């Protein structure tokens, strides 16, 4: 219940304050969001399977975001940022859909 209240409060504050992202960080924001979604779906899957560990979730969330941002940063330095960004989104997207499929199988029994 506390998590839902925190989520709603965060969305409300974001809508009211309309924060801006500095241009130097804009290439990393979509990657960070996709990496966070990957950790979120992995955590939801772990909750459903009864193996959730809050420390593992937090480490997974931070590690996913840092590694994804580093890969995009490295791509920018090498001049292939767009290609590596696409690669990160594809890999994390596959993980998200894999976790979503496992959640569906567990909930629907199919």
PDB file of N, CA and C in Angstrom:
ATOM      1  N   UNK A   1       0.821  -1.195   0.000  1.00  0.00           N
ATOM      2  CA  UNK A   1       0.000   0.000   0.000  1.00  0.00           C
ATOM      3  C   UNK A   1       0.869   1.265   0.000  1.00  0.00           C
ATOM      4  N   UNK A   2       1.954   1.224   0.759  1.00  0.00           N
ATOM      5  CA  UNK A   2       2.850   2.375   0.814  1.00  0.00           C
ATOM      6  C   UNK A   2       3.472   2.624  -0.559  1.00  0.00           C
ATOM      7  N   UNK A   3       3.799   1.544  -1.278  1.00  0.00           N
ATOM      8  CA  UNK A   3       4.395   1.697  -2.604  1.00  0.00           C
ATOM      9  C   UNK A   3       3.430   2.376  -3.573  1.00  0.00           C
ATOM     10  N   UNK A   4       2.166   2.029  -3.502  1.00  0.00           N
ATOM     11  CA  UNK A   4       1.166   2.632  -4.392  1.00  0.00           C
ATOM     12  C   UNK A   4       1.000   4.109  -4.072  1.00  0.00           C
ATOM     13  N   UNK A   5       0.971   4.442  -2.788  1.00  0.00           N
ATOM     14  CA  UNK A   5       0.859   5.851  -2.386  1.00  0.00           C
ATOM     15  C   UNK A   5       2.087   6.626  -2.863  1.00  0.00           C
ATOM     16  N   UNK A   6       3.274   6.034  -2.706  1.00  0.00           N
ATOM     17  CA  UNK A   6       4.491   6.677  -3.182  1.00  0.00           C
ATOM     18  C   UNK A   6       4.493   6.875  -4.683  1.00  0.00           C
ATOM     19  N   UNK A   7       4.007   5.867  -5.411  1.00  0.00           N
ATOM     20  CA  UNK A   7       3.930   5.976  -6.865  1.00  0.00           C
ATOM     21  C   UNK A   7       2.989   7.100  -7.276  1.00  0.00           C
ATOM     22  N   UNK A   8       1.817   7.144  -6.676  1.00  0.00           N
ATOM     23  CA  UNK A   8       0.853   8.194  -7.001  1.00  0.00           C
ATOM     24  C   UNK A   8       1.387   9.578  -6.631  1.00  0.00           C
ATOM     25  N   UNK A   9       2.048   9.688  -5.484  1.00  0.00           N
ATOM     26  CA  UNK A   9       2.628  10.970  -5.080  1.00  0.00           C
ATOM     27  C   UNK A   9       3.721  11.392  -6.064  1.00  0.00           C
ATOM     28  N   UNK A  10       4.551  10.451  -6.500  1.00  0.00           N
ATOM     29  CA  UNK A  10       5.601  10.760  -7.461  1.00  0.00           C
ATOM     30  C   UNK A  10       5.050  11.216  -8.798  1.00  0.00           C
ATOM     31  N   UNK A  11       4.009  10.562  -9.268  1.00  0.00           N
ATOM     32  CA  UNK A  11       3.380  10.964 -10.532  1.00  0.00           C
ATOM     33  C   UNK A  11       2.771  12.352 -10.394  1.00  0.00           C
ATOM     34  N   UNK A  12       2.097  12.606  -9.273  1.00  0.00           N
ATOM     35  CA  UNK A  12       1.479  13.908  -9.045  1.00  0.00           C
ATOM     36  C   UNK A  12       2.529  15.019  -8.993  1.00  0.00           C
ATOM     37  N   UNK A  13       3.619  14.800  -8.271  1.00  0.00           N
ATOM     38  CA  UNK A  13       4.688  15.793  -8.192  1.00  0.00           C
ATOM     39  C   UNK A  13       5.296  16.021  -9.579  1.00  0.00           C
ATOM     40  N   UNK A  14       5.505  14.953 -10.348  1.00  0.00           N
ATOM     41  CA  UNK A  14       6.057  15.096 -11.693  1.00  0.00           C
ATOM     42  C   UNK A  14       5.157  15.884 -12.614  1.00  0.00           C
ATOM     43  N   UNK A  15       3.856  15.654 -12.510  1.00  0.00           N
ATOM     44  CA  UNK A  15       2.905  16.372 -13.363  1.00  0.00           C
ATOM     45  C   UNK A  15       2.843  17.844 -12.965  1.00  0.00           C
ATOM     46  N   UNK A  16       2.850  18.120 -11.671  1.00  0.00           N
ATOM     47  CA  UNK A  16       2.739  19.498 -11.207  1.00  0.00           C
ATOM     48  C   UNK A  16       4.017  20.309 -11.437  1.00  0.00           C
ATOM     49  N   UNK A  17       5.177  19.715 -11.210  1.00  0.00           N
ATOM     50  CA  UNK A  17       6.432  20.448 -11.325  1.00  0.00           C
ATOM     51  C   UNK A  17       7.005  20.468 -12.733  1.00  0.00           C
ATOM     52  N   UNK A  18       6.605  19.519 -13.576  1.00  0.00           N
ATOM     53  CA  UNK A  18       7.096  19.401 -14.941  1.00  0.00           C
ATOM     54  C   UNK A  18       8.617  19.561 -15.012  1.00  0.00           C
ATOM     55  N   UNK A  19       9.351  18.620 -14.409  1.00  0.00           N
ATOM     56  CA  UNK A  19      10.811  18.759 -14.403  1.00  0.00           C
ATOM     57  C   UNK A  19      11.382  18.619 -15.815  1.00  0.00           C
ATOM     58  N   UNK A  20      12.508  19.291 -16.036  1.00  0.00           N
ATOM     59  CA  UNK A  20      13.163  19.196 -17.336  1.00  0.00           C
ATOM     60  C   UNK A  20      14.465  18.418 -17.171  1.00  0.00           C
ATOM     61  N   UNK A  21      14.831  17.742 -18.230  1.00  0.00           N
ATOM     62  CA  UNK A  21      16.061  16.953 -18.234  1.00  0.00           C
ATOM     63  C   UNK A  21      17.102  17.736 -19.019  1.00  0.00           C
ATOM     64  N   UNK A  22      18.300  17.910 -18.455  1.00  0.00           N
ATOM     65  CA  UNK A  22      19.342  18.621 -19.203  1.00  0.00           C
ATOM     66  C   UNK A  22      19.641  17.908 -20.527  1.00  0.00           C
ATOM     67  N   UNK A  23      19.933  18.680 -21.564  1.00  0.00           N
ATOM     68  CA  UNK A  23      20.181  18.075 -22.882  1.00  0.00           C
ATOM     69  C   UNK A  23      21.293  17.030 -22.879  1.00  0.00           C
ATOM     70  N   UNK A  24      22.272  17.187 -22.017  1.00  0.00           N
ATOM     71  CA  UNK A  24      23.371  16.213 -21.990  1.00  0.00           C
ATOM     72  C   UNK A  24      22.925  14.853 -21.451  1.00  0.00           C
ATOM     73  N   UNK A  25      21.834  14.828 -20.690  1.00  0.00           N
ATOM     74  CA  UNK A  25      21.346  13.558 -20.126  1.00  0.00           C
ATOM     75  C   UNK A  25      20.173  12.969 -20.900  1.00  0.00           C
ATOM     76  N   UNK A  26      19.630  13.704 -21.859  1.00  0.00           N
ATOM     77  CA  UNK A  26      18.457  13.234 -22.591  1.00  0.00           C
ATOM     78  C   UNK A  26      18.646  11.906 -23.318  1.00  0.00           C
ATOM     79  N   UNK A  27      19.821  11.593 -23.879  1.00  0.00           N
ATOM     80  CA  UNK A  27      19.962  10.285 -24.536  1.00  0.00           C
ATOM     81  C   UNK A  27      19.882   9.112 -23.553  1.00  0.00           C
ATOM     82  N   UNK A  28      20.140   9.373 -22.284  1.00  0.00           N
ATOM     83  CA  UNK A  28      20.191   8.299 -21.300  1.00  0.00           C
ATOM     84  C   UNK A  28      18.836   8.041 -20.632  1.00  0.00           C
ATOM     85  N   UNK A  29      17.926   8.999 -20.681  1.00  0.00           N
ATOM     86  CA  UNK A  29      16.644   8.857 -19.989  1.00  0.00           C
ATOM     87  C   UNK A  29      15.808   7.688 -20.505  1.00  0.00           C
ATOM     88  N   UNK A  30      15.605   7.533 -21.815  1.00  0.00           N
ATOM     89  CA  UNK A  30      14.803   6.386 -22.271  1.00  0.00           C
ATOM     90  C   UNK A  30      15.441   5.050 -21.899  1.00  0.00           C
ATOM     91  N   UNK A  31      16.761   4.988 -21.957  1.00  0.00           N
ATOM     92  CA  UNK A  31      17.459   3.747 -21.606  1.00  0.00           C
ATOM     93  C   UNK A  31      17.279   3.453 -20.126  1.00  0.00           C
ATOM     94  N   UNK A  32      17.376   4.477 -19.293  1.00  0.00           N
ATOM     95  CA  UNK A  32      17.187   4.290 -17.859  1.00  0.00           C
ATOM     96  C   UNK A  32      15.766   3.833 -17.542  1.00  0.00           C
ATOM     97  N   UNK A  33      14.797   4.364 -18.254  1.00  0.00           N
ATOM     98  CA  UNK A  33      13.399   3.964 -18.029  1.00  0.00           C
ATOM     99  C   UNK A  33      13.191   2.513 -18.425  1.00  0.00           C
ATOM    100  N   UNK A  34      13.717   2.110 -19.564  1.00  0.00           N
ATOM    101  CA  UNK A  34      13.568   0.718 -20.008  1.00  0.00           C
ATOM    102  C   UNK A  34      14.291  -0.229 -19.042  1.00  0.00           C
ATOM    103  N   UNK A  35      15.467   0.169 -18.567  1.00  0.00           N
ATOM    104  CA  UNK A  35      16.200  -0.662 -17.610  1.00  0.00           C
ATOM    105  C   UNK A  35      15.426  -0.775 -16.295  1.00  0.00           C
ATOM    106  N   UNK A  36      14.809   0.322 -15.855  1.00  0.00           N
ATOM    107  CA  UNK A  36      14.008   0.279 -14.635  1.00  0.00           C
ATOM    108  C   UNK A  36      12.773  -0.594 -14.827  1.00  0.00           C
ATOM    109  N   UNK A  37      12.161  -0.529 -15.999  1.00  0.00           N
ATOM    110  CA  UNK A  37      11.003  -1.394 -16.279  1.00  0.00           C
ATOM    111  C   UNK A  37      11.404  -2.869 -16.259  1.00  0.00           C
ATOM    112  N   UNK A  38      12.594  -3.172 -16.757  1.00  0.00           N
ATOM    113  CA  UNK A  38      13.082  -4.544 -16.720  1.00  0.00           C
ATOM    114  C   UNK A  38      13.189  -5.029 -15.270  1.00  0.00           C
ATOM    115  N   UNK A  39      13.767  -4.197 -14.409  1.00  0.00           N
ATOM    116  CA  UNK A  39      13.878  -4.571 -12.999  1.00  0.00           C
ATOM    117  C   UNK A  39      12.507  -4.687 -12.352  1.00  0.00           C
ATOM    118  N   UNK A  40      11.594  -3.805 -12.709  1.00  0.00           N
ATOM    119  CA  UNK A  40      10.239  -3.840 -12.150  1.00  0.00           C
ATOM    120  C   UNK A  40       9.515  -5.129 -12.515  1.00  0.00           C
ATOM    121  N   UNK A  41       9.563  -5.503 -13.783  1.00  0.00           N
ATOM    122  CA  UNK A  41       8.901  -6.744 -14.205  1.00  0.00           C
ATOM    123  C   UNK A  41       9.589  -7.970 -13.605  1.00  0.00           C
ATOM    124  N   UNK A  42      10.910  -7.924 -13.474  1.00  0.00           N
ATOM    125  CA  UNK A  42      11.622  -9.016 -12.815  1.00  0.00           C
ATOM    126  C   UNK A  42      11.224  -9.132 -11.352  1.00  0.00           C
ATOM    127  N   UNK A  43      11.064  -7.986 -10.688  1.00  0.00           N
ATOM    128  CA  UNK A  43      10.620  -8.000  -9.291  1.00  0.00           C
ATOM    129  C   UNK A  43       9.201  -8.509  -9.146  1.00  0.00           C
ATOM    130  N   UNK A  44       8.327  -8.109 -10.056  1.00  0.00           N
ATOM    131  CA  UNK A  44       6.941  -8.596 -10.025  1.00  0.00           C
ATOM    132  C   UNK A  44       6.892 -10.103 -10.237  1.00  0.00           C
ATOM    133  N   UNK A  45       7.703 -10.584 -11.156  1.00  0.00           N
ATOM    134  CA  UNK A  45       7.776 -12.031 -11.388  1.00  0.00           C
ATOM    135  C   UNK A  45       8.269 -12.757 -10.136  1.00  0.00           C
ATOM    136  N   UNK A  46       9.275 -12.181  -9.465  1.00  0.00           N
ATOM    137  CA  UNK A  46       9.805 -12.793  -8.242  1.00  0.00           C
ATOM    138  C   UNK A  46       8.757 -12.799  -7.133  1.00  0.00           C
ATOM    139  N   UNK A  47       7.963 -11.739  -7.033  1.00  0.00           N
ATOM    140  CA  UNK A  47       6.892 -11.699  -6.021  1.00  0.00           C
ATOM    141  C   UNK A  47       5.893 -12.806  -6.288  1.00  0.00           C
ATOM    142  N   UNK A  48       5.486 -12.960  -7.539  1.00  0.00           N
ATOM    143  CA  UNK A  48       4.493 -13.979  -7.891  1.00  0.00           C
ATOM    144  C   UNK A  48       5.037 -15.380  -7.635  1.00  0.00           C
ATOM    145  N   UNK A  49       6.339 -15.575  -7.897  1.00  0.00           N
ATOM    146  CA  UNK A  49       6.946 -16.891  -7.680  1.00  0.00           C
ATOM    147  C   UNK A  49       7.344 -17.118  -6.221  1.00  0.00           C
ATOM    148  N   UNK A  50       7.179 -16.088  -5.390  1.00  0.00           N
ATOM    149  CA  UNK A  50       7.477 -16.228  -3.975  1.00  0.00           C
ATOM    150  C   UNK A  50       8.955 -16.199  -3.628  1.00  0.00           C
ATOM    151  N   UNK A  51       9.783 -15.630  -4.489  1.00  0.00           N
ATOM    152  CA  UNK A  51      11.228 -15.593  -4.238  1.00  0.00           C
ATOM    153  C   UNK A  51      11.761 -14.169  -4.205  1.00  0.00           C
ATOM    154  N   UNK A  52      10.897 -13.191  -3.965  1.00  0.00           N
ATOM    155  CA  UNK A  52      11.305 -11.786  -3.991  1.00  0.00           C
ATOM    156  C   UNK A  52      12.232 -11.475  -2.821  1.00  0.00           C
ATOM    157  N   UNK A  53      13.299 -10.739  -3.130  1.00  0.00           N
ATOM    158  CA  UNK A  53      14.232 -10.250  -2.122  1.00  0.00           C
ATOM    159  C   UNK A  53      14.456  -8.773  -2.415  1.00  0.00           C
ATOM    160  N   UNK A  54      14.144  -7.920  -1.450  1.00  0.00           N
ATOM    161  CA  UNK A  54      14.226  -6.482  -1.700  1.00  0.00           C
ATOM    162  C   UNK A  54      15.644  -6.018  -2.020  1.00  0.00           C
ATOM    163  N   UNK A  55      16.637  -6.624  -1.422  1.00  0.00           N
ATOM    164  CA  UNK A  55      18.021  -6.242  -1.726  1.00  0.00           C
ATOM    165  C   UNK A  55      18.382  -6.602  -3.161  1.00  0.00           C
ATOM    166  N   UNK A  56      17.987  -7.771  -3.594  1.00  0.00           N
ATOM    167  CA  UNK A  56      18.257  -8.180  -4.974  1.00  0.00           C
ATOM    168  C   UNK A  56      17.541  -7.237  -5.940  1.00  0.00           C
ATOM    169  N   UNK A  57      16.316  -6.837  -5.605  1.00  0.00           N
ATOM    170  CA  UNK A  57      15.566  -5.929  -6.465  1.00  0.00           C
ATOM    171  C   UNK A  57      16.275  -4.586  -6.608  1.00  0.00           C
ATOM    172  N   UNK A  58      16.701  -4.009  -5.486  1.00  0.00           N
ATOM    173  CA  UNK A  58      17.356  -2.699  -5.529  1.00  0.00           C
ATOM    174  C   UNK A  58      18.678  -2.781  -6.290  1.00  0.00           C
ATOM    175  N   UNK A  59      19.457  -3.816  -6.017  1.00  0.00           N
ATOM    176  CA  UNK A  59      20.729  -3.979  -6.729  1.00  0.00           C
ATOM    177  C   UNK A  59      20.474  -4.178  -8.221  1.00  0.00           C
ATOM    178  N   UNK A  60      19.475  -4.965  -8.563  1.00  0.00           N
ATOM    179  CA  UNK A  60      19.140  -5.197  -9.966  1.00  0.00           C
ATOM    180  C   UNK A  60      18.717  -3.894 -10.640  1.00  0.00           C
ATOM    181  N   UNK A  61      17.895  -3.115  -9.977  1.00  0.00           N
ATOM    182  CA  UNK A  61      17.433  -1.850 -10.534  1.00  0.00           C
ATOM    183  C   UNK A  61      18.605  -0.907 -10.796  1.00  0.00           C
ATOM    184  N   UNK A  62      19.434  -0.699  -9.792  1.00  0.00           N
ATOM    185  CA  UNK A  62      20.564   0.221  -9.932  1.00  0.00           C
ATOM    186  C   UNK A  62      21.562  -0.308 -10.963  1.00  0.00           C
ATOM    187  N   UNK A  63      21.877  -1.595 -10.885  1.00  0.00           N
ATOM    188  CA  UNK A  63      22.854  -2.182 -11.796  1.00  0.00           C
ATOM    189  C   UNK A  63      22.373  -2.109 -13.241  1.00  0.00           C
ATOM    190  N   UNK A  64      21.100  -2.434 -13.488  1.00  0.00           N
ATOM    191  CA  UNK A  64      20.560  -2.357 -14.852  1.00  0.00           C
ATOM    192  C   UNK A  64      20.683  -0.952 -15.415  1.00  0.00           C
ATOM    193  N   UNK A  65      20.295   0.040 -14.617  1.00  0.00           N
ATOM    194  CA  UNK A  65      20.329   1.429 -15.094  1.00  0.00           C
ATOM    195  C   UNK A  65      21.766   1.871 -15.348  1.00  0.00           C
ATOM    196  N   UNK A  66      22.677   1.552 -14.431  1.00  0.00           N
ATOM    197  CA  UNK A  66      24.073   1.974 -14.590  1.00  0.00           C
ATOM    198  C   UNK A  66      24.719   1.304 -15.798  1.00  0.00           C
ATOM    199  N   UNK A  67      24.519   0.008 -15.952  1.00  0.00           N
ATOM    200  CA  UNK A  67      25.134  -0.698 -17.087  1.00  0.00           C
ATOM    201  C   UNK A  67      24.545  -0.207 -18.407  1.00  0.00           C
ATOM    202  N   UNK A  68      23.228  -0.038 -18.466  1.00  0.00           N
ATOM    203  CA  UNK A  68      22.608   0.446 -19.701  1.00  0.00           C
ATOM    204  C   UNK A  68      23.113   1.845 -20.046  1.00  0.00           C
ATOM    205  N   UNK A  69      23.202   2.723 -19.050  1.00  0.00           N
ATOM    206  CA  UNK A  69      23.701   4.078 -19.299  1.00  0.00           C
ATOM    207  C   UNK A  69      25.169   4.047 -19.728  1.00  0.00           C
ATOM    208  N   UNK A  70      25.950   3.157 -19.129  1.00  0.00           N
ATOM    209  CA  UNK A  70      27.359   3.052 -19.507  1.00  0.00           C
ATOM    210  C   UNK A  70      27.512   2.575 -20.948  1.00  0.00           C
ATOM    211  N   UNK A  71      26.699   1.622 -21.348  1.00  0.00           N
ATOM    212  CA  UNK A  71      26.773   1.125 -22.730  1.00  0.00           C
ATOM    213  C   UNK A  71      26.425   2.241 -23.707  1.00  0.00           C
ATOM    214  N   UNK A  72      25.400   3.027 -23.388  1.00  0.00           N
ATOM    215  CA  UNK A  72      25.030   4.140 -24.268  1.00  0.00           C
ATOM    216  C   UNK A  72      26.129   5.206 -24.267  1.00  0.00           C
ATOM    217  N   UNK A  73      26.695   5.499 -23.099  1.00  0.00           N
ATOM    218  CA  UNK A  73      27.799   6.457 -23.018  1.00  0.00           C
ATOM    219  C   UNK A  73      28.987   5.983 -23.857  1.00  0.00           C
ATOM    220  N   UNK A  74      29.319   4.713 -23.728  1.00  0.00           N
ATOM    221  CA  UNK A  74      30.422   4.153 -24.505  1.00  0.00           C
ATOM    222  C   UNK A  74      30.129   4.257 -26.001  1.00  0.00           C
ATOM    223  N   UNK A  75      28.889   3.973 -26.392  1.00  0.00           N
ATOM    224  CA  UNK A  75      28.503   4.115 -27.788  1.00  0.00           C
ATOM    225  C   UNK A  75      28.630   5.543 -28.275  1.00  0.00           C
ATOM    226  N   UNK A  76      28.251   6.507 -27.426  1.00  0.00           N
ATOM    227  CA  UNK A  76      28.410   7.915 -27.797  1.00  0.00           C
ATOM    228  C   UNK A  76      29.879   8.266 -28.004  1.00  0.00           C
ATOM    229  N   UNK A  77      30.731   7.747 -27.146  1.00  0.00           N
ATOM    230  CA  UNK A  77      32.157   8.034 -27.261  1.00  0.00           C
ATOM    231  C   UNK A  77      32.756   7.412 -28.529  1.00  0.00           C
ATOM    232  N   UNK A  78      32.210   6.268 -28.926  1.00  0.00           N
ATOM    233  CA  UNK A  78      32.699   5.591 -30.129  1.00  0.00           C
ATOM    234  C   UNK A  78      32.013   6.076 -31.404  1.00  0.00           C
ATOM    235  N   UNK A  79      30.971   6.910 -31.243  1.00  0.00           N
ATOM    236  CA  UNK A  79      30.265   7.433 -32.404  1.00  0.00           C
ATOM    237  C   UNK A  79      29.155   6.524 -32.913  1.00  0.00           C
ATOM    238  N   UNK A  80      28.768   5.544 -32.119  1.00  0.00           N
ATOM    239  CA  UNK A  80      27.701   4.621 -32.516  1.00  0.00           C
ATOM    240  C   UNK A  80      26.627   4.559 -31.426  1.00  0.00           C
ATOM    241  N   UNK A  81      26.343   5.710 -30.811  1.00  0.00           N
ATOM    242  CA  UNK A  81      25.405   5.761 -29.692  1.00  0.00           C
ATOM    243  C   UNK A  81      24.016   5.271 -30.041  1.00  0.00           C
ATOM    244  N   UNK A  82      23.520   5.651 -31.219  1.00  0.00           N
ATOM    245  CA  UNK A  82      22.165   5.257 -31.601  1.00  0.00           C
ATOM    246  C   UNK A  82      22.057   3.744 -31.768  1.00  0.00           C
ATOM    247  N   UNK A  83      23.077   3.134 -32.342  1.00  0.00           N
ATOM    248  CA  UNK A  83      23.041   1.689 -32.552  1.00  0.00           C
ATOM    249  C   UNK A  83      23.095   0.937 -31.216  1.00  0.00           C
ATOM    250  N   UNK A  84      23.958   1.383 -30.320  1.00  0.00           N
ATOM    251  CA  UNK A  84      24.033   0.714 -29.018  1.00  0.00           C
ATOM    252  C   UNK A  84      22.790   0.981 -28.188  1.00  0.00           C
ATOM    253  N   UNK A  85      22.195   2.168 -28.312  1.00  0.00           N
ATOM    254  CA  UNK A  85      20.936   2.451 -27.619  1.00  0.00           C
ATOM    255  C   UNK A  85      19.848   1.493 -28.095  1.00  0.00           C
ATOM    256  N   UNK A  86      19.791   1.301 -29.395  1.00  0.00           N
ATOM    257  CA  UNK A  86      18.813   0.362 -29.946  1.00  0.00           C
ATOM    258  C   UNK A  86      19.073  -1.048 -29.439  1.00  0.00           C
ATOM    259  N   UNK A  87      20.333  -1.443 -29.388  1.00  0.00           N
ATOM    260  CA  UNK A  87      20.682  -2.771 -28.881  1.00  0.00           C
ATOM    261  C   UNK A  87      20.269  -2.960 -27.434  1.00  0.00           C
ATOM    262  N   UNK A  88      20.500  -1.946 -26.607  1.00  0.00           N
ATOM    263  CA  UNK A  88      20.119  -2.029 -25.194  1.00  0.00           C
ATOM    264  C   UNK A  88      18.604  -2.151 -25.064  1.00  0.00           C
ATOM    265  N   UNK A  89      17.873  -1.347 -25.832  1.00  0.00           N
ATOM    266  CA  UNK A  89      16.406  -1.393 -25.765  1.00  0.00           C
ATOM    267  C   UNK A  89      15.894  -2.759 -26.220  1.00  0.00           C
ATOM    268  N   UNK A  90      16.491  -3.326 -27.263  1.00  0.00           N
ATOM    269  CA  UNK A  90      16.060  -4.639 -27.751  1.00  0.00           C
ATOM    270  C   UNK A  90      16.315  -5.718 -26.692  1.00  0.00           C
ATOM    271  N   UNK A  91      17.511  -5.726 -26.121  1.00  0.00           N
ATOM    272  CA  UNK A  91      17.851  -6.748 -25.121  1.00  0.00           C
ATOM    273  C   UNK A  91      16.954  -6.623 -23.897  1.00  0.00           C
ATOM    274  N   UNK A  92      16.805  -5.403 -23.384  1.00  0.00           N
ATOM    275  CA  UNK A  92      15.954  -5.224 -22.206  1.00  0.00           C
ATOM    276  C   UNK A  92      14.484  -5.477 -22.542  1.00  0.00           C
ATOM    277  N   UNK A  93      14.082  -5.134 -23.767  1.00  0.00           N
ATOM    278  CA  UNK A  93      12.710  -5.424 -24.189  1.00  0.00           C
ATOM    279  C   UNK A  93      12.425  -6.914 -24.216  1.00  0.00           C
ATOM    280  N   UNK A  94      13.396  -7.689 -24.682  1.00  0.00           N
ATOM    281  CA  UNK A  94      13.236  -9.151 -24.680  1.00  0.00           C
ATOM    282  C   UNK A  94      13.080  -9.656 -23.250  1.00  0.00           C
ATOM    283  N   UNK A  95      13.882  -9.119 -22.329  1.00  0.00           N
ATOM    284  CA  UNK A  95      13.779  -9.526 -20.920  1.00  0.00           C
ATOM    285  C   UNK A  95      12.431  -9.131 -20.324  1.00  0.00           C
ATOM    286  N   UNK A  96      11.948  -7.931 -20.664  1.00  0.00           N
ATOM    287  CA  UNK A  96      10.656  -7.478 -20.151  1.00  0.00           C
ATOM    288  C   UNK A  96       9.550  -8.402 -20.635  1.00  0.00           C
ATOM    289  N   UNK A  97       9.538  -8.714 -21.921  1.00  0.00           N
ATOM    290  CA  UNK A  97       8.487  -9.581 -22.456  1.00  0.00           C
ATOM    291  C   UNK A  97       8.625 -11.010 -21.942  1.00  0.00           C
ATOM    292  N   UNK A  98       9.834 -11.460 -21.695  1.00  0.00           N
ATOM    293  CA  UNK A  98      10.036 -12.780 -21.109  1.00  0.00           C
ATOM    294  C   UNK A  98       9.451 -12.831 -19.697  1.00  0.00           C
ATOM    295  N   UNK A  99       9.714 -11.808 -18.910  1.00  0.00           N
ATOM    296  CA  UNK A  99       9.139 -11.750 -17.563  1.00  0.00           C
ATOM    297  C   UNK A  99       7.620 -11.618 -17.623  1.00  0.00           C
ATOM    298  N   UNK A 100       7.111 -10.812 -18.550  1.00  0.00           N
ATOM    299  CA  UNK A 100       5.658 -10.660 -18.695  1.00  0.00           C
ATOM    300  C   UNK A 100       5.014 -11.994 -19.078  1.00  0.00           C
ATOM    301  N   UNK A 101       5.671 -12.757 -19.938  1.00  0.00           N
ATOM    302  CA  UNK A 101       5.141 -14.065 -20.328  1.00  0.00           C
ATOM    303  C   UNK A 101       5.133 -15.017 -19.136  1.00  0.00           C
ATOM    304  N   UNK A 102       6.182 -14.981 -18.318  1.00  0.00           N
ATOM    305  CA  UNK A 102       6.229 -15.842 -17.133  1.00  0.00           C
ATOM    306  C   UNK A 102       5.139 -15.451 -16.143  1.00  0.00           C
ATOM    307  N   UNK A 103       4.895 -14.157 -15.994  1.00  0.00           N
ATOM    308  CA  UNK A 103       3.816 -13.689 -15.105  1.00  0.00           C
ATOM    309  C   UNK A 103       2.477 -14.155 -15.625  1.00  0.00           C
ATOM    310  N   UNK A 104       2.260 -14.017 -16.929  1.00  0.00           N
ATOM    311  CA  UNK A 104       0.994 -14.464 -17.539  1.00  0.00           C
ATOM    312  C   UNK A 104       0.799 -15.963 -17.340  1.00  0.00           C
ATOM    313  N   UNK A 105       1.866 -16.747 -17.587  1.00  0.00           N
ATOM    314  CA  UNK A 105       1.752 -18.198 -17.419  1.00  0.00           C
ATOM    315  C   UNK A 105       1.400 -18.553 -15.985  1.00  0.00           C
ATOM    316  N   UNK A 106       2.008 -17.862 -15.039  1.00  0.00           N
ATOM    317  CA  UNK A 106       1.752 -18.167 -13.639  1.00  0.00           C
ATOM    318  C   UNK A 106       0.328 -17.776 -13.231  1.00  0.00           C
ATOM    319  N   UNK A 107      -0.125 -16.605 -13.684  1.00  0.00           N
ATOM    320  CA  UNK A 107      -1.453 -16.135 -13.303  1.00  0.00           C
ATOM    321  C   UNK A 107      -2.573 -16.882 -14.010  1.00  0.00           C
ATOM    322  N   UNK A 108      -2.362 -17.211 -15.281  1.00  0.00           N
ATOM    323  CA  UNK A 108      -3.422 -17.858 -16.051  1.00  0.00           C
ATOM    324  C   UNK A 108      -3.256 -19.365 -16.166  1.00  0.00           C
ATOM    325  N   UNK A 109      -2.122 -19.860 -15.725  1.00  0.00           N
ATOM    326  CA  UNK A 109      -1.888 -21.296 -15.770  1.00  0.00           C
ATOM    327  C   UNK A 109      -1.715 -21.834 -17.169  1.00  0.00           C
ATOM    328  N   UNK A 110      -1.303 -20.982 -18.096  1.00  0.00           N
ATOM    329  CA  UNK A 110      -1.112 -21.468 -19.480  1.00  0.00           C
ATOM    330  C   UNK A 110       0.283 -21.209 -19.953  1.00  0.00           C
TER     331      UNK A 110
END
